[in-house]
């Protein structure tokens, strides 16, 4: 990684994926199985690192770019040129250097700058208190600089500034607590970085976690989750195609997935969409999202429910319901176990958990031939006859 830390990633079809589902950031080094090292570029591809060079990342006005350092000289990997004045070299030793007018690197601290049109960019903050933008210029009137201590200063002129209040928030990244700020409904660190995947931000007393898709969704720490008393069943007074919606939450459809993710807080009760028998209901430790695979926040409990009566949708019959990413299940049954478990429609199945480092339930509906309802169809599937979406128990 650009900060010198090492993590285990997966390499498939030439694509490297980190444990949290993200691609490696610009400047990160991928140690390939062929024994060669490749540095990640802004384009998402990797370029082989020259022998004897040290990889680094550089902040430029157009975004982060990869570079290498050899004999104290930094070279941009994509162009072969030297960094320009104002650009910031993030050295693997953990120190940031900003290029001055003499093409030399000066130690600096990276800070966030909010421009007059509320765009967040980066700048260097020298030990003497001088702020330099990535283009080598000084902050202009109306710009706001978030200093390392978190205090924000808005410039009246190039030389004078005054303290302003930002929407400051608490942030937790990999268990380390710090502060950041919110602007335009986005969360930023003091250095101008967006909240990374898995980062937790506290907004008005509520915690939200950043998903790999760049969304912040409600979050509750599984280690601190309180046991909730959920009704063993709910009254069923509305159905569509004979089924009910299993949990309250917001649908997030992915055209490449086998179902939909319904975002809901951890511990939200989940109910049987229809009466049927449980085929299996257990925790799968070798699931790709399990803690054993490097996802400590994820909860791969799952339930497979076979309906008593198949439902008809768009001319096809569907009889298999899959629930994934649960934090707990009401009935445990291993795959293939000879034990009869029958549940009624509206009966408690388990509780919502975390999947892909975000709190949600994954739901899929399959036919006897293995075909599943597409995510866009699933969202239509749970609309009532008057066209409004309703939720379990309501």
Protein backbone atom coordinates (compact mmCIF):
# COMPACT_ATOMS: atom_id res chain seq x y z
CA UNK A 1 0.00 0.00 0.00
CA UNK A 2 1.18 3.63 -0.45
CA UNK A 3 1.64 4.02 3.32
CA UNK A 4 3.95 1.00 3.51
CA UNK A 5 1.46 -1.42 5.08
CA UNK A 6 0.94 -4.86 3.58
CA UNK A 7 -2.39 -6.60 3.07
CA UNK A 8 -3.36 -9.88 1.44
CA UNK A 9 -5.32 -9.47 -1.78
CA UNK A 10 -6.77 -11.76 -4.42
CA UNK A 11 -5.69 -11.84 -8.06
CA UNK A 12 -8.18 -13.16 -10.60
CA UNK A 13 -8.15 -12.66 -14.36
CA UNK A 14 -5.52 -9.96 -13.91
CA UNK A 15 -7.67 -7.96 -11.48
CA UNK A 16 -6.44 -7.40 -7.92
CA UNK A 17 -9.05 -7.03 -5.16
CA UNK A 18 -8.44 -6.03 -1.54
CA UNK A 19 -10.23 -7.82 1.35
CA UNK A 20 -12.81 -5.00 1.56
CA UNK A 21 -13.74 -5.42 -2.10
CA UNK A 22 -11.91 -2.29 -3.33
CA UNK A 23 -9.22 -2.15 -5.99
CA UNK A 24 -5.75 -1.17 -4.65
CA UNK A 25 -5.24 2.62 -4.54
CA UNK A 26 -2.94 4.56 -6.83
CA UNK A 27 0.70 3.92 -5.89
CA UNK A 28 0.04 0.55 -4.23
CA UNK A 29 2.33 -2.33 -5.15
CA UNK A 30 0.96 -5.70 -6.22
CA UNK A 31 3.41 -8.55 -5.64
CA UNK A 32 2.32 -10.86 -8.44
CA UNK A 33 2.75 -14.63 -8.49
CA UNK A 34 5.28 -14.26 -11.32
CA UNK A 35 7.70 -12.68 -8.85
CA UNK A 36 7.36 -9.19 -10.32
CA UNK A 37 6.04 -6.04 -8.65
CA UNK A 38 3.44 -3.86 -10.32
CA UNK A 39 2.42 -0.36 -9.28
CA UNK A 40 -1.23 0.69 -9.53
CA UNK A 41 -1.92 3.63 -11.84
CA UNK A 42 -4.77 6.14 -11.87
CA UNK A 43 -6.22 4.21 -14.83
CA UNK A 44 -6.63 1.12 -12.60
CA UNK A 45 -3.91 -0.84 -14.39
CA UNK A 46 -0.51 -1.84 -13.05
CA UNK A 47 2.94 -0.93 -14.43
CA UNK A 48 5.98 -3.00 -13.53
CA UNK A 49 8.24 -1.26 -11.00
CA UNK A 50 11.80 -0.67 -12.26
CA UNK A 51 14.52 -2.51 -10.38
CA UNK A 52 16.05 -0.51 -7.54
CA UNK A 53 13.13 1.95 -7.40
CA UNK A 54 10.82 2.71 -4.50
CA UNK A 55 7.13 3.15 -5.35
CA UNK A 56 5.23 6.23 -4.22
CA UNK A 57 1.96 8.05 -4.81
CA UNK A 58 1.69 11.71 -5.85
CA UNK A 59 -1.24 14.08 -5.33
CA UNK A 60 -1.77 16.25 -8.40
CA UNK A 61 -4.52 18.72 -9.39
CA UNK A 62 -6.11 15.95 -11.49
CA UNK A 63 -5.97 13.35 -8.71
CA UNK A 64 -3.56 10.77 -7.33
CA UNK A 65 -0.92 9.34 -9.68
CA UNK A 66 1.77 6.70 -9.29
CA UNK A 67 5.47 7.46 -9.20
CA UNK A 68 8.80 5.86 -8.29
CA UNK A 69 11.73 7.17 -6.27
CA UNK A 70 15.33 6.29 -7.11
CA UNK A 71 18.40 7.91 -5.57
CA UNK A 72 16.13 10.56 -4.04
CA UNK A 73 14.60 11.55 -7.37
CA UNK A 74 10.87 11.14 -7.95
CA UNK A 75 9.64 10.21 -11.42
CA UNK A 76 6.01 10.02 -12.54
CA UNK A 77 5.43 6.45 -13.74
CA UNK A 78 3.03 7.28 -16.56
CA UNK A 79 5.01 10.16 -18.14
CA UNK A 80 8.61 9.71 -16.94
CA UNK A 81 8.68 13.39 -15.91
CA UNK A 82 9.41 14.99 -12.54
CA UNK A 83 6.50 16.14 -10.32
CA UNK A 84 5.51 19.78 -10.82
CA UNK A 85 5.50 22.60 -8.28
CA UNK A 86 2.80 22.13 -5.64
CA UNK A 87 2.40 18.40 -6.18
CA UNK A 88 2.74 16.28 -3.05
CA UNK A 89 4.87 13.13 -2.97
CA UNK A 90 3.65 10.55 -0.46
CA UNK A 91 6.86 8.73 0.46
CA UNK A 92 6.67 5.13 1.76
CA UNK A 93 8.49 6.35 4.89
CA UNK A 94 5.24 8.02 5.91
CA UNK A 95 6.43 11.58 5.27
CA UNK A 96 4.80 13.85 2.69
CA UNK A 97 6.92 16.18 0.57
CA UNK A 98 5.58 19.08 -1.48
CA UNK A 99 7.53 20.15 -4.58
CA UNK A 100 8.66 23.79 -4.42
CA UNK A 101 9.65 26.22 -7.20
CA UNK A 102 13.20 24.79 -7.16
CA UNK A 103 11.85 21.30 -7.88
CA UNK A 104 12.82 20.17 -4.40
CA UNK A 105 10.66 18.30 -1.93
CA UNK A 106 9.80 20.10 1.32
CA UNK A 107 8.24 18.28 4.27
CA UNK A 108 4.59 19.12 4.58
CA UNK A 109 1.28 18.01 6.08
CA UNK A 110 -1.54 17.30 3.66
CA UNK A 111 -4.71 19.27 4.44
CA UNK A 112 -8.12 19.68 2.82
CA UNK A 113 -9.08 22.84 0.97
CA UNK A 114 -12.70 23.74 0.18
CA UNK A 115 -12.89 25.93 -2.89
CA UNK A 116 -15.39 28.72 -3.41
CA UNK A 117 -17.71 26.31 -5.29
CA UNK A 118 -17.50 23.81 -2.38
CA UNK A 119 -15.22 21.35 -4.13
CA UNK A 120 -12.81 19.57 -1.76
CA UNK A 121 -9.20 19.38 -2.92
CA UNK A 122 -5.80 19.04 -1.22
CA UNK A 123 -2.93 21.31 -0.25
CA UNK A 124 0.34 21.22 1.65
CA UNK A 125 0.62 22.82 5.08
CA UNK A 126 4.23 23.64 5.97
CA UNK A 127 5.64 23.70 9.53
CA UNK A 128 5.68 27.51 9.27
CA UNK A 129 1.92 27.60 8.70
CA UNK A 130 2.00 28.34 4.98
CA UNK A 131 -0.60 26.62 2.81
CA UNK A 132 0.24 25.80 -0.82
CA UNK A 133 -2.26 24.43 -3.32
CA UNK A 134 -1.41 21.60 -5.72
CA UNK A 135 -0.88 24.09 -8.56
CA UNK A 136 1.75 25.90 -6.47
CA UNK A 137 -0.45 28.90 -5.69
CA UNK A 138 -1.73 30.25 -2.39
CA UNK A 139 -5.37 29.99 -1.21
CA UNK A 140 -7.63 32.62 -2.77
CA UNK A 141 -10.31 34.70 -1.12
CA UNK A 142 -13.31 32.56 -0.20
CA UNK A 143 -11.37 29.29 0.06
CA UNK A 144 -11.39 27.35 3.34
CA UNK A 145 -8.36 25.46 4.68
CA UNK A 146 -8.84 22.68 7.25
CA UNK A 147 -5.67 22.73 9.31
CA UNK A 148 -4.17 19.57 10.90
CA UNK A 149 -5.83 20.35 14.25
CA UNK A 150 -9.24 20.32 12.54
CA UNK A 151 -9.84 24.08 12.79
CA UNK A 152 -11.03 25.58 9.50
CA UNK A 153 -9.92 29.00 8.26
CA UNK A 154 -11.61 30.92 5.45
CA UNK A 155 -9.47 33.40 3.53
CA UNK A 156 -10.60 37.01 3.22
CA UNK A 157 -7.58 37.79 1.08
CA UNK A 158 -4.44 35.84 0.22
CA UNK A 159 -2.85 36.93 3.51
CA UNK A 160 -5.74 37.14 5.99
CA UNK A 161 -8.22 34.53 7.20
CA UNK A 162 -10.80 33.90 9.91
CA UNK A 163 -12.10 30.82 11.72
CA UNK A 164 -15.30 29.25 10.35
CA UNK A 165 -17.47 26.41 11.60
CA UNK A 166 -17.66 23.20 9.56
CA UNK A 167 -20.00 20.27 9.94
CA UNK A 168 -17.38 18.30 11.89
CA UNK A 169 -18.02 14.59 12.55
CA UNK A 170 -16.33 11.74 14.38
CA UNK A 171 -14.74 9.05 12.20
CA UNK A 172 -13.45 5.56 12.99
CA UNK A 173 -11.14 3.77 10.54
CA UNK A 174 -9.82 0.30 11.39
CA UNK A 175 -10.62 0.96 15.04
CA UNK A 176 -8.72 4.29 15.12
CA UNK A 177 -10.85 7.29 16.01
CA UNK A 178 -10.37 10.74 14.49
CA UNK A 179 -12.46 13.59 13.14
CA UNK A 180 -13.46 14.80 9.70
CA UNK A 181 -16.10 16.98 8.13
CA UNK A 182 -19.22 16.73 5.97
CA UNK A 183 -19.98 18.82 2.92
CA UNK A 184 -22.45 18.21 0.09
CA UNK A 185 -23.57 15.04 1.93
CA UNK A 186 -20.06 13.57 1.65
CA UNK A 187 -17.63 12.78 4.47
CA UNK A 188 -13.98 13.81 4.20
CA UNK A 189 -10.89 13.36 6.33
CA UNK A 190 -8.80 16.36 7.29
CA UNK A 191 -6.43 15.66 4.41
CA UNK A 192 -9.23 15.80 1.83
CA UNK A 193 -9.60 12.04 1.35
CA UNK A 194 -13.09 10.60 1.11
CA UNK A 195 -14.18 8.24 3.88
CA UNK A 196 -12.73 4.85 2.85
CA UNK A 197 -14.66 1.59 2.54
CA UNK A 198 -15.42 0.25 6.02
CA UNK A 199 -14.90 3.67 7.61
CA UNK A 200 -17.54 4.68 10.15
CA UNK A 201 -18.89 8.21 10.52
CA UNK A 202 -21.13 9.42 13.35
CA UNK A 203 -23.84 11.81 12.17
CA UNK A 204 -26.19 13.31 14.76
CA UNK A 205 -25.48 10.46 17.15
CA UNK A 206 -26.06 7.70 14.57
CA UNK A 207 -23.28 5.57 13.03
CA UNK A 208 -22.96 5.00 9.27
CA UNK A 209 -20.47 2.82 7.41
CA UNK A 210 -18.99 3.43 3.96
CA UNK A 211 -19.78 0.68 1.46
CA UNK A 212 -17.55 -0.34 -1.49
CA UNK A 213 -20.06 1.45 -3.74
CA UNK A 214 -19.33 4.77 -2.02
CA UNK A 215 -22.56 4.97 0.02
CA UNK A 216 -22.91 5.51 3.76
CA UNK A 217 -25.53 3.22 5.29
CA UNK A 218 -26.72 2.74 8.90
CA UNK A 219 -24.31 0.69 11.01
CA UNK A 220 -24.22 -0.93 14.41
CA UNK A 221 -21.03 -2.55 15.72
CA UNK A 222 -21.72 -6.32 15.93
CA UNK A 223 -19.56 -6.51 19.05
CA UNK A 224 -21.79 -3.95 20.79
CA UNK A 225 -25.10 -5.13 19.42
CA UNK A 226 -27.77 -5.40 22.06
CA UNK A 227 -30.09 -8.38 22.09
CA UNK A 228 -33.45 -7.25 20.79
CA UNK A 229 -36.76 -8.86 21.59
CA UNK A 230 -38.41 -9.36 18.22
CA UNK A 231 -41.94 -10.69 17.76
CA UNK A 232 -41.91 -14.40 16.95
CA UNK A 233 -44.27 -13.60 14.09
CA UNK A 234 -46.03 -10.65 12.51
CA UNK A 235 -49.63 -10.29 11.30
CA UNK A 236 -49.87 -10.89 7.58
CA UNK A 237 -52.55 -8.72 5.99
CA UNK A 238 -50.90 -7.86 2.67
CA UNK A 239 -49.24 -10.12 0.14
CA UNK A 240 -48.12 -9.83 -3.44
CA UNK A 241 -48.00 -13.03 -5.48
CA UNK A 242 -48.64 -14.75 -2.16
CA UNK A 243 -45.46 -13.51 -0.47
CA UNK A 244 -44.63 -10.73 1.99
CA UNK A 245 -41.60 -8.49 2.19
CA UNK A 246 -39.18 -9.98 4.77
CA UNK A 247 -37.65 -6.85 6.33
CA UNK A 248 -37.93 -3.08 6.45
CA UNK A 249 -35.19 -1.27 4.56
CA UNK A 250 -34.01 0.33 1.33
CA UNK A 251 -33.57 -1.80 -1.81
CA UNK A 252 -30.23 -1.62 -3.56
CA UNK A 253 -30.29 -3.55 -6.85
CA UNK A 254 -27.14 -4.81 -8.61
CA UNK A 255 -27.66 -6.07 -12.14
CA UNK A 256 -24.72 -8.49 -11.76
CA UNK A 257 -26.00 -10.02 -8.53
CA UNK A 258 -28.43 -12.87 -7.94
CA UNK A 259 -30.84 -10.82 -5.86
CA UNK A 260 -31.22 -7.53 -4.03
CA UNK A 261 -29.55 -6.10 -0.93
CA UNK A 262 -32.03 -4.54 1.48
CA UNK A 263 -30.14 -2.10 3.71
CA UNK A 264 -31.32 -2.26 7.32
CA UNK A 265 -29.65 -1.82 10.69
CA UNK A 266 -27.98 -4.85 12.20
CA UNK A 267 -30.45 -6.74 14.35
CA UNK A 268 -33.53 -5.81 12.31
CA UNK A 269 -35.94 -8.79 12.45
CA UNK A 270 -36.36 -10.80 9.24
CA UNK A 271 -39.50 -12.84 8.58
CA UNK A 272 -40.48 -15.72 6.34
CA UNK A 273 -41.84 -14.37 3.06
CA UNK A 274 -44.09 -17.42 2.82
CA UNK A 275 -44.83 -20.69 4.59
CA UNK A 276 -42.37 -23.49 3.89
CA UNK A 277 -39.62 -25.76 5.17
CA UNK A 278 -36.09 -24.69 5.99
CA UNK A 279 -33.59 -26.57 3.84
CA UNK A 280 -30.60 -25.18 5.73
CA UNK A 281 -29.93 -22.40 8.20
CA UNK A 282 -26.39 -21.96 9.51
CA UNK A 283 -23.18 -19.91 9.65
CA UNK A 284 -20.81 -20.67 6.76
CA UNK A 285 -17.20 -20.04 7.84
CA UNK A 286 -15.74 -20.50 4.36
CA UNK A 287 -18.03 -17.91 2.78
CA UNK A 288 -15.98 -15.29 0.92
CA UNK A 289 -17.33 -12.56 3.24
CA UNK A 290 -16.72 -14.45 6.52
CA UNK A 291 -14.34 -13.18 9.25
CA UNK A 292 -12.14 -16.17 8.46
CA UNK A 293 -11.66 -14.69 5.00
CA UNK A 294 -10.70 -11.25 6.29
CA UNK A 295 -14.08 -9.58 6.80
CA UNK A 296 -14.41 -9.17 10.59
CA UNK A 297 -17.59 -7.08 10.30
CA UNK A 298 -19.42 -9.47 7.99
CA UNK A 299 -21.94 -12.06 9.18
CA UNK A 300 -22.52 -14.87 6.68
CA UNK A 301 -25.42 -16.64 8.38
CA UNK A 302 -27.79 -17.83 5.67
CA UNK A 303 -31.18 -19.47 5.31
CA UNK A 304 -32.66 -21.40 2.38
CA UNK A 305 -36.44 -21.68 2.49
CA UNK A 306 -38.46 -24.00 0.21
CA UNK A 307 -42.02 -22.72 -0.17
CA UNK A 308 -45.00 -24.99 0.39
CA UNK A 309 -46.63 -23.54 -2.70
CA UNK A 310 -44.61 -22.09 -5.63
CA UNK A 311 -45.43 -18.53 -6.69
CA UNK A 312 -46.00 -17.48 -10.28
CA UNK A 313 -44.22 -14.42 -11.66
CA UNK A 314 -43.93 -13.39 -15.31
CA UNK A 315 -45.00 -16.87 -16.42
CA UNK A 316 -42.48 -18.76 -14.25
CA UNK A 317 -42.77 -20.63 -10.96
CA UNK A 318 -40.44 -19.79 -8.06
CA UNK A 319 -40.22 -21.86 -4.90
CA UNK A 320 -36.79 -21.24 -3.31
CA UNK A 321 -35.99 -18.21 -1.14
CA UNK A 322 -32.38 -17.45 -0.14
CA UNK A 323 -31.53 -15.14 2.76
CA UNK A 324 -27.90 -14.09 3.16
CA UNK A 325 -25.73 -11.94 5.49
CA UNK A 326 -27.76 -12.54 8.67
CA UNK A 327 -26.35 -11.74 12.13
CA UNK A 328 -28.37 -14.54 13.73
CA UNK A 329 -30.82 -17.29 12.82
CA UNK A 330 -33.76 -18.62 14.84
CA UNK A 331 -33.33 -22.21 13.66
CA UNK A 332 -30.04 -23.96 12.95
CA UNK A 333 -29.93 -26.72 10.39
CA UNK A 334 -26.87 -27.83 8.43
CA UNK A 335 -27.13 -28.51 4.72
CA UNK A 336 -28.41 -32.05 4.20
CA UNK A 337 -29.33 -32.52 7.86
CA UNK A 338 -32.38 -34.78 8.27
CA UNK A 339 -34.43 -32.52 10.52
CA UNK A 340 -37.88 -31.13 9.74
CA UNK A 341 -38.28 -27.39 10.32
CA UNK A 342 -41.45 -25.76 9.05
CA UNK A 343 -42.21 -22.04 9.36
CA UNK A 344 -45.34 -20.07 8.64
CA UNK A 345 -45.56 -16.90 6.61
CA UNK A 346 -44.56 -13.95 8.81
CA UNK A 347 -42.64 -16.14 11.28
CA UNK A 348 -39.28 -14.84 12.57
CA UNK A 349 -36.33 -16.30 10.62
CA UNK A 350 -33.41 -14.32 12.02
CA UNK A 351 -31.90 -10.83 12.17
CA UNK A 352 -30.20 -8.59 9.64
CA UNK A 353 -26.41 -8.56 9.60
CA UNK A 354 -23.48 -7.18 7.63
CA UNK A 355 -22.55 -8.11 4.09
CA UNK A 356 -19.85 -6.52 1.93
CA UNK A 357 -18.94 -4.48 5.03
CA UNK A 358 -22.40 -2.86 5.11
CA UNK A 359 -25.50 -3.75 7.15
CA UNK A 360 -28.08 -5.49 5.01
CA UNK A 361 -29.97 -8.61 4.04
CA UNK A 362 -29.31 -10.26 0.68
CA UNK A 363 -32.47 -11.77 -0.77
CA UNK A 364 -32.87 -13.97 -3.84
CA UNK A 365 -35.83 -15.96 -5.18
CA UNK A 366 -35.12 -19.03 -7.32
CA UNK A 367 -37.21 -21.38 -9.42
CA UNK A 368 -36.95 -25.16 -9.32
CA UNK A 369 -34.74 -24.96 -12.44
CA UNK A 370 -32.26 -22.72 -10.64
CA UNK A 371 -33.29 -19.53 -12.43
CA UNK A 372 -33.65 -16.45 -10.24
CA UNK A 373 -35.71 -13.29 -10.43
CA UNK A 374 -33.53 -10.41 -11.59
CA UNK A 375 -32.93 -7.55 -9.08
CA UNK A 376 -35.10 -5.12 -11.05
CA UNK A 377 -37.89 -7.71 -11.13
CA UNK A 378 -37.59 -8.34 -7.40
CA UNK A 379 -38.28 -4.71 -6.68
CA UNK A 380 -41.44 -4.93 -8.78
CA UNK A 381 -42.30 -8.22 -7.13
CA UNK A 382 -42.79 -6.59 -3.73
CA UNK A 383 -45.04 -3.78 -4.89
CA UNK A 384 -48.64 -4.07 -3.79
CA UNK A 385 -51.56 -3.92 -6.18
CA UNK A 386 -51.86 -0.14 -5.81
CA UNK A 387 -48.21 0.36 -6.76
CA UNK A 388 -46.85 1.38 -3.35
CA UNK A 389 -43.95 -0.43 -1.72
CA UNK A 390 -44.74 -1.76 1.75
CA UNK A 391 -42.61 -3.39 4.44
CA UNK A 392 -42.91 -6.41 6.70
CA UNK A 393 -45.29 -5.92 9.59
CA UNK A 394 -46.71 -2.67 8.22
